[in-house]
Amino acid sequence: MHLGNAARSDGEFSELDILVSPRSGSSRVEGFDQWRQRVAVKVRAPPADGKANREIEELFRALTGAEAEIVRGAGGRMKTLRIALPLHELQAAMERL
C-alpha cells in the first residue's frame, strides 16, 4: 500500500496519519484515502472510553510487530500513530496487507 504523505520518520520511529471508522463489522486497514492523505482504518470498537484507540494500537502492533501509540487526535477520527519502526520497515509491513 502506498503511504504517500501519511508517513514520516525521525530515524528509528515512524509516524502514520490515519482516518478511523469506529463501530465497523471488522478491524482492518481499509486502504489509502487520497483526498485526506491518510490510511483508512476500520475498528469494531465504539469511540467511547478509549476503546477504539486501544483497538487501533493493538491492530498496528499485530500488523507491524512493533509498539504503536496514538500521539495526536485521540478524541477525533483523524489520528497520528507513532510506531517503533523505521519508515522503510513500516512501508514493508503495510505492503504485505
N, C-alpha and C. Protein backbone atom coordinates (compact mmCIF):
# COMPACT_ATOMS: atom_id res chain seq x y z
N MET A 1 0.85 -1.18 0.00
CA MET A 1 0.00 0.00 0.00
C MET A 1 0.89 1.24 0.00
N HIS A 2 0.60 2.13 -0.88
CA HIS A 2 1.32 3.41 -0.95
C HIS A 2 0.89 4.28 0.23
N LEU A 3 1.85 4.81 0.97
CA LEU A 3 1.54 5.63 2.15
C LEU A 3 1.57 7.12 1.88
N GLY A 4 2.06 7.52 0.72
CA GLY A 4 2.08 8.94 0.36
C GLY A 4 2.68 9.80 1.44
N ASN A 5 2.02 10.92 1.72
CA ASN A 5 2.47 11.86 2.75
C ASN A 5 1.98 11.48 4.14
N ALA A 6 1.33 10.33 4.27
CA ALA A 6 0.76 9.93 5.56
C ALA A 6 1.82 9.42 6.52
N ALA A 7 3.01 9.08 6.02
CA ALA A 7 4.05 8.51 6.88
C ALA A 7 5.32 9.37 6.82
N ARG A 8 5.97 9.46 7.97
CA ARG A 8 7.25 10.16 8.06
C ARG A 8 8.06 9.51 9.18
N SER A 9 9.35 9.79 9.18
CA SER A 9 10.22 9.12 10.13
C SER A 9 11.17 10.10 10.80
N ASP A 10 11.57 9.75 12.01
CA ASP A 10 12.62 10.51 12.70
C ASP A 10 13.76 9.56 13.07
N GLY A 11 14.02 8.60 12.21
CA GLY A 11 15.08 7.63 12.45
C GLY A 11 14.51 6.27 12.75
N GLU A 12 14.52 5.89 14.02
CA GLU A 12 14.05 4.56 14.38
C GLU A 12 12.54 4.49 14.63
N PHE A 13 11.86 5.61 14.64
CA PHE A 13 10.41 5.65 14.83
C PHE A 13 9.76 6.28 13.60
N SER A 14 8.52 5.89 13.34
CA SER A 14 7.75 6.47 12.25
C SER A 14 6.43 6.99 12.80
N GLU A 15 5.88 7.98 12.12
CA GLU A 15 4.54 8.45 12.42
C GLU A 15 3.67 8.18 11.21
N LEU A 16 2.43 7.78 11.48
CA LEU A 16 1.49 7.43 10.42
C LEU A 16 0.17 8.12 10.70
N ASP A 17 -0.31 8.90 9.73
CA ASP A 17 -1.61 9.57 9.84
C ASP A 17 -2.69 8.60 9.38
N ILE A 18 -3.72 8.45 10.20
CA ILE A 18 -4.81 7.54 9.87
C ILE A 18 -6.16 8.24 9.99
N LEU A 19 -7.15 7.68 9.32
CA LEU A 19 -8.54 8.11 9.40
C LEU A 19 -9.34 6.90 9.89
N VAL A 20 -10.01 7.02 11.02
CA VAL A 20 -10.64 5.89 11.67
C VAL A 20 -12.15 5.90 11.51
N SER A 21 -12.69 4.71 11.22
CA SER A 21 -14.14 4.49 11.21
C SER A 21 -14.45 3.49 12.32
N PRO A 22 -14.99 3.96 13.45
CA PRO A 22 -15.33 3.03 14.54
C PRO A 22 -16.65 2.31 14.26
N ARG A 23 -16.94 1.31 15.08
CA ARG A 23 -18.17 0.52 15.00
C ARG A 23 -18.35 -0.15 13.63
N SER A 24 -17.27 -0.67 13.10
CA SER A 24 -17.31 -1.38 11.82
C SER A 24 -17.52 -2.86 12.08
N GLY A 25 -17.78 -3.60 11.03
CA GLY A 25 -18.01 -5.04 11.16
C GLY A 25 -16.75 -5.81 11.50
N SER A 26 -15.59 -5.27 11.15
CA SER A 26 -14.32 -5.92 11.47
C SER A 26 -13.24 -4.85 11.63
N SER A 27 -12.12 -5.27 12.19
CA SER A 27 -10.99 -4.35 12.37
C SER A 27 -9.96 -4.64 11.29
N ARG A 28 -9.62 -3.61 10.51
CA ARG A 28 -8.68 -3.81 9.40
C ARG A 28 -8.22 -2.47 8.84
N VAL A 29 -7.12 -2.52 8.11
CA VAL A 29 -6.67 -1.38 7.34
C VAL A 29 -7.41 -1.46 6.02
N GLU A 30 -8.12 -0.42 5.70
CA GLU A 30 -9.01 -0.41 4.54
C GLU A 30 -8.30 0.02 3.25
N GLY A 31 -7.32 0.89 3.37
CA GLY A 31 -6.64 1.40 2.18
C GLY A 31 -6.11 2.80 2.45
N PHE A 32 -5.85 3.52 1.37
CA PHE A 32 -5.30 4.86 1.48
C PHE A 32 -6.33 5.86 0.98
N ASP A 33 -6.66 6.85 1.80
CA ASP A 33 -7.59 7.91 1.43
C ASP A 33 -6.80 9.01 0.72
N GLN A 34 -6.91 9.06 -0.60
CA GLN A 34 -6.14 10.02 -1.40
C GLN A 34 -6.47 11.46 -1.04
N TRP A 35 -7.74 11.74 -0.80
CA TRP A 35 -8.17 13.10 -0.54
C TRP A 35 -7.60 13.64 0.77
N ARG A 36 -7.66 12.81 1.81
CA ARG A 36 -7.17 13.25 3.13
C ARG A 36 -5.70 12.92 3.36
N GLN A 37 -5.11 12.12 2.46
CA GLN A 37 -3.71 11.69 2.60
C GLN A 37 -3.49 10.97 3.92
N ARG A 38 -4.38 10.02 4.20
CA ARG A 38 -4.32 9.22 5.43
C ARG A 38 -4.66 7.77 5.12
N VAL A 39 -4.16 6.88 5.95
CA VAL A 39 -4.51 5.47 5.84
C VAL A 39 -5.87 5.27 6.51
N ALA A 40 -6.80 4.66 5.78
CA ALA A 40 -8.15 4.42 6.31
C ALA A 40 -8.15 3.13 7.12
N VAL A 41 -8.66 3.23 8.34
CA VAL A 41 -8.67 2.10 9.27
C VAL A 41 -10.09 1.93 9.82
N LYS A 42 -10.55 0.69 9.87
CA LYS A 42 -11.85 0.39 10.47
C LYS A 42 -11.61 -0.44 11.73
N VAL A 43 -12.37 -0.12 12.78
CA VAL A 43 -12.30 -0.89 14.02
C VAL A 43 -13.71 -1.21 14.50
N ARG A 44 -13.82 -2.31 15.20
CA ARG A 44 -15.13 -2.75 15.69
C ARG A 44 -15.58 -1.96 16.92
N ALA A 45 -14.64 -1.51 17.71
CA ALA A 45 -14.95 -0.85 18.98
C ALA A 45 -15.63 0.50 18.77
N PRO A 46 -16.47 0.88 19.73
CA PRO A 46 -17.06 2.21 19.68
C PRO A 46 -16.05 3.26 20.14
N PRO A 47 -16.28 4.53 19.78
CA PRO A 47 -15.34 5.59 20.17
C PRO A 47 -15.61 6.11 21.58
N ALA A 48 -15.79 5.22 22.52
CA ALA A 48 -16.10 5.62 23.89
C ALA A 48 -15.07 5.02 24.84
N ASP A 49 -14.70 5.79 25.85
CA ASP A 49 -13.79 5.33 26.90
C ASP A 49 -12.45 4.84 26.35
N GLY A 50 -12.02 5.34 25.20
CA GLY A 50 -10.73 4.95 24.63
C GLY A 50 -10.69 3.58 24.01
N LYS A 51 -11.85 2.93 23.87
CA LYS A 51 -11.88 1.56 23.34
C LYS A 51 -11.38 1.49 21.90
N ALA A 52 -11.83 2.41 21.05
CA ALA A 52 -11.38 2.41 19.65
C ALA A 52 -9.88 2.70 19.58
N ASN A 53 -9.40 3.62 20.39
CA ASN A 53 -7.97 3.94 20.38
C ASN A 53 -7.13 2.73 20.77
N ARG A 54 -7.55 2.01 21.81
CA ARG A 54 -6.81 0.81 22.22
C ARG A 54 -6.83 -0.25 21.11
N GLU A 55 -7.96 -0.38 20.44
CA GLU A 55 -8.06 -1.36 19.36
C GLU A 55 -7.16 -0.99 18.18
N ILE A 56 -7.06 0.29 17.89
CA ILE A 56 -6.17 0.75 16.81
C ILE A 56 -4.72 0.42 17.16
N GLU A 57 -4.31 0.72 18.37
CA GLU A 57 -2.94 0.43 18.79
C GLU A 57 -2.66 -1.07 18.72
N GLU A 58 -3.60 -1.89 19.17
CA GLU A 58 -3.43 -3.34 19.12
C GLU A 58 -3.37 -3.84 17.67
N LEU A 59 -4.20 -3.28 16.81
CA LEU A 59 -4.20 -3.67 15.40
C LEU A 59 -2.85 -3.40 14.76
N PHE A 60 -2.29 -2.22 15.00
CA PHE A 60 -1.00 -1.89 14.39
C PHE A 60 0.16 -2.65 15.03
N ARG A 61 0.04 -3.00 16.30
CA ARG A 61 1.06 -3.87 16.91
C ARG A 61 1.06 -5.23 16.23
N ALA A 62 -0.14 -5.76 15.97
CA ALA A 62 -0.25 -7.06 15.31
C ALA A 62 0.24 -7.00 13.87
N LEU A 63 -0.06 -5.91 13.16
CA LEU A 63 0.33 -5.79 11.76
C LEU A 63 1.83 -5.58 11.57
N THR A 64 2.44 -4.84 12.49
CA THR A 64 3.85 -4.47 12.30
C THR A 64 4.81 -5.22 13.20
N GLY A 65 4.31 -5.80 14.28
CA GLY A 65 5.18 -6.45 15.25
C GLY A 65 5.95 -5.47 16.10
N ALA A 66 5.52 -4.21 16.12
CA ALA A 66 6.21 -3.16 16.88
C ALA A 66 5.20 -2.39 17.73
N GLU A 67 5.71 -1.73 18.74
CA GLU A 67 4.86 -0.90 19.59
C GLU A 67 4.25 0.23 18.77
N ALA A 68 2.98 0.53 19.03
CA ALA A 68 2.26 1.60 18.35
C ALA A 68 1.47 2.37 19.39
N GLU A 69 1.50 3.71 19.26
CA GLU A 69 0.81 4.56 20.23
C GLU A 69 0.21 5.76 19.50
N ILE A 70 -1.02 6.10 19.84
CA ILE A 70 -1.64 7.29 19.28
C ILE A 70 -1.02 8.50 19.97
N VAL A 71 -0.46 9.41 19.17
CA VAL A 71 0.21 10.58 19.75
C VAL A 71 -0.53 11.88 19.44
N ARG A 72 -1.44 11.87 18.49
CA ARG A 72 -2.27 13.05 18.19
C ARG A 72 -3.64 12.58 17.73
N GLY A 73 -4.66 13.35 18.11
CA GLY A 73 -6.01 13.10 17.63
C GLY A 73 -6.77 12.04 18.38
N ALA A 74 -6.43 11.78 19.62
CA ALA A 74 -7.08 10.72 20.38
C ALA A 74 -8.60 10.89 20.47
N GLY A 75 -9.09 12.11 20.39
CA GLY A 75 -10.53 12.35 20.51
C GLY A 75 -11.25 12.50 19.18
N GLY A 76 -10.57 12.33 18.08
CA GLY A 76 -11.20 12.53 16.77
C GLY A 76 -11.00 11.34 15.85
N ARG A 77 -11.50 11.47 14.64
CA ARG A 77 -11.35 10.40 13.64
C ARG A 77 -9.99 10.43 12.96
N MET A 78 -9.38 11.62 12.87
CA MET A 78 -8.06 11.74 12.27
C MET A 78 -7.02 11.69 13.37
N LYS A 79 -6.16 10.68 13.30
CA LYS A 79 -5.19 10.43 14.36
C LYS A 79 -3.80 10.25 13.76
N THR A 80 -2.80 10.35 14.62
CA THR A 80 -1.43 10.06 14.23
C THR A 80 -0.88 9.02 15.19
N LEU A 81 -0.33 7.95 14.61
CA LEU A 81 0.30 6.88 15.38
C LEU A 81 1.81 7.04 15.34
N ARG A 82 2.45 6.74 16.44
CA ARG A 82 3.91 6.65 16.48
C ARG A 82 4.22 5.16 16.60
N ILE A 83 4.98 4.65 15.63
CA ILE A 83 5.26 3.22 15.55
C ILE A 83 6.77 3.02 15.66
N ALA A 84 7.17 2.07 16.50
CA ALA A 84 8.59 1.84 16.78
C ALA A 84 9.25 1.05 15.65
N LEU A 85 9.23 1.63 14.45
CA LEU A 85 9.87 1.05 13.27
C LEU A 85 10.42 2.17 12.40
N PRO A 86 11.55 1.95 11.75
CA PRO A 86 11.99 2.91 10.73
C PRO A 86 10.99 2.92 9.58
N LEU A 87 10.97 3.99 8.83
CA LEU A 87 9.98 4.16 7.77
C LEU A 87 10.01 3.02 6.74
N HIS A 88 11.17 2.57 6.34
CA HIS A 88 11.23 1.52 5.32
C HIS A 88 10.64 0.21 5.84
N GLU A 89 10.76 -0.07 7.13
CA GLU A 89 10.15 -1.28 7.70
C GLU A 89 8.63 -1.13 7.82
N LEU A 90 8.17 0.07 8.17
CA LEU A 90 6.73 0.32 8.22
C LEU A 90 6.14 0.17 6.82
N GLN A 91 6.80 0.73 5.82
CA GLN A 91 6.33 0.62 4.44
C GLN A 91 6.25 -0.85 4.03
N ALA A 92 7.26 -1.63 4.36
CA ALA A 92 7.27 -3.06 4.02
C ALA A 92 6.11 -3.80 4.70
N ALA A 93 5.85 -3.48 5.96
CA ALA A 93 4.74 -4.12 6.68
C ALA A 93 3.41 -3.77 6.06
N MET A 94 3.23 -2.53 5.63
CA MET A 94 1.97 -2.10 5.04
C MET A 94 1.79 -2.69 3.64
N GLU A 95 2.87 -2.93 2.93
CA GLU A 95 2.77 -3.54 1.60
C GLU A 95 2.35 -5.00 1.68
N ARG A 96 2.56 -5.65 2.82
CA ARG A 96 2.15 -7.05 2.99
C ARG A 96 0.65 -7.19 3.19
N LEU A 97 -0.04 -6.10 3.39
CA LEU A 97 -1.51 -6.16 3.62
C LEU A 97 -2.24 -6.47 2.35
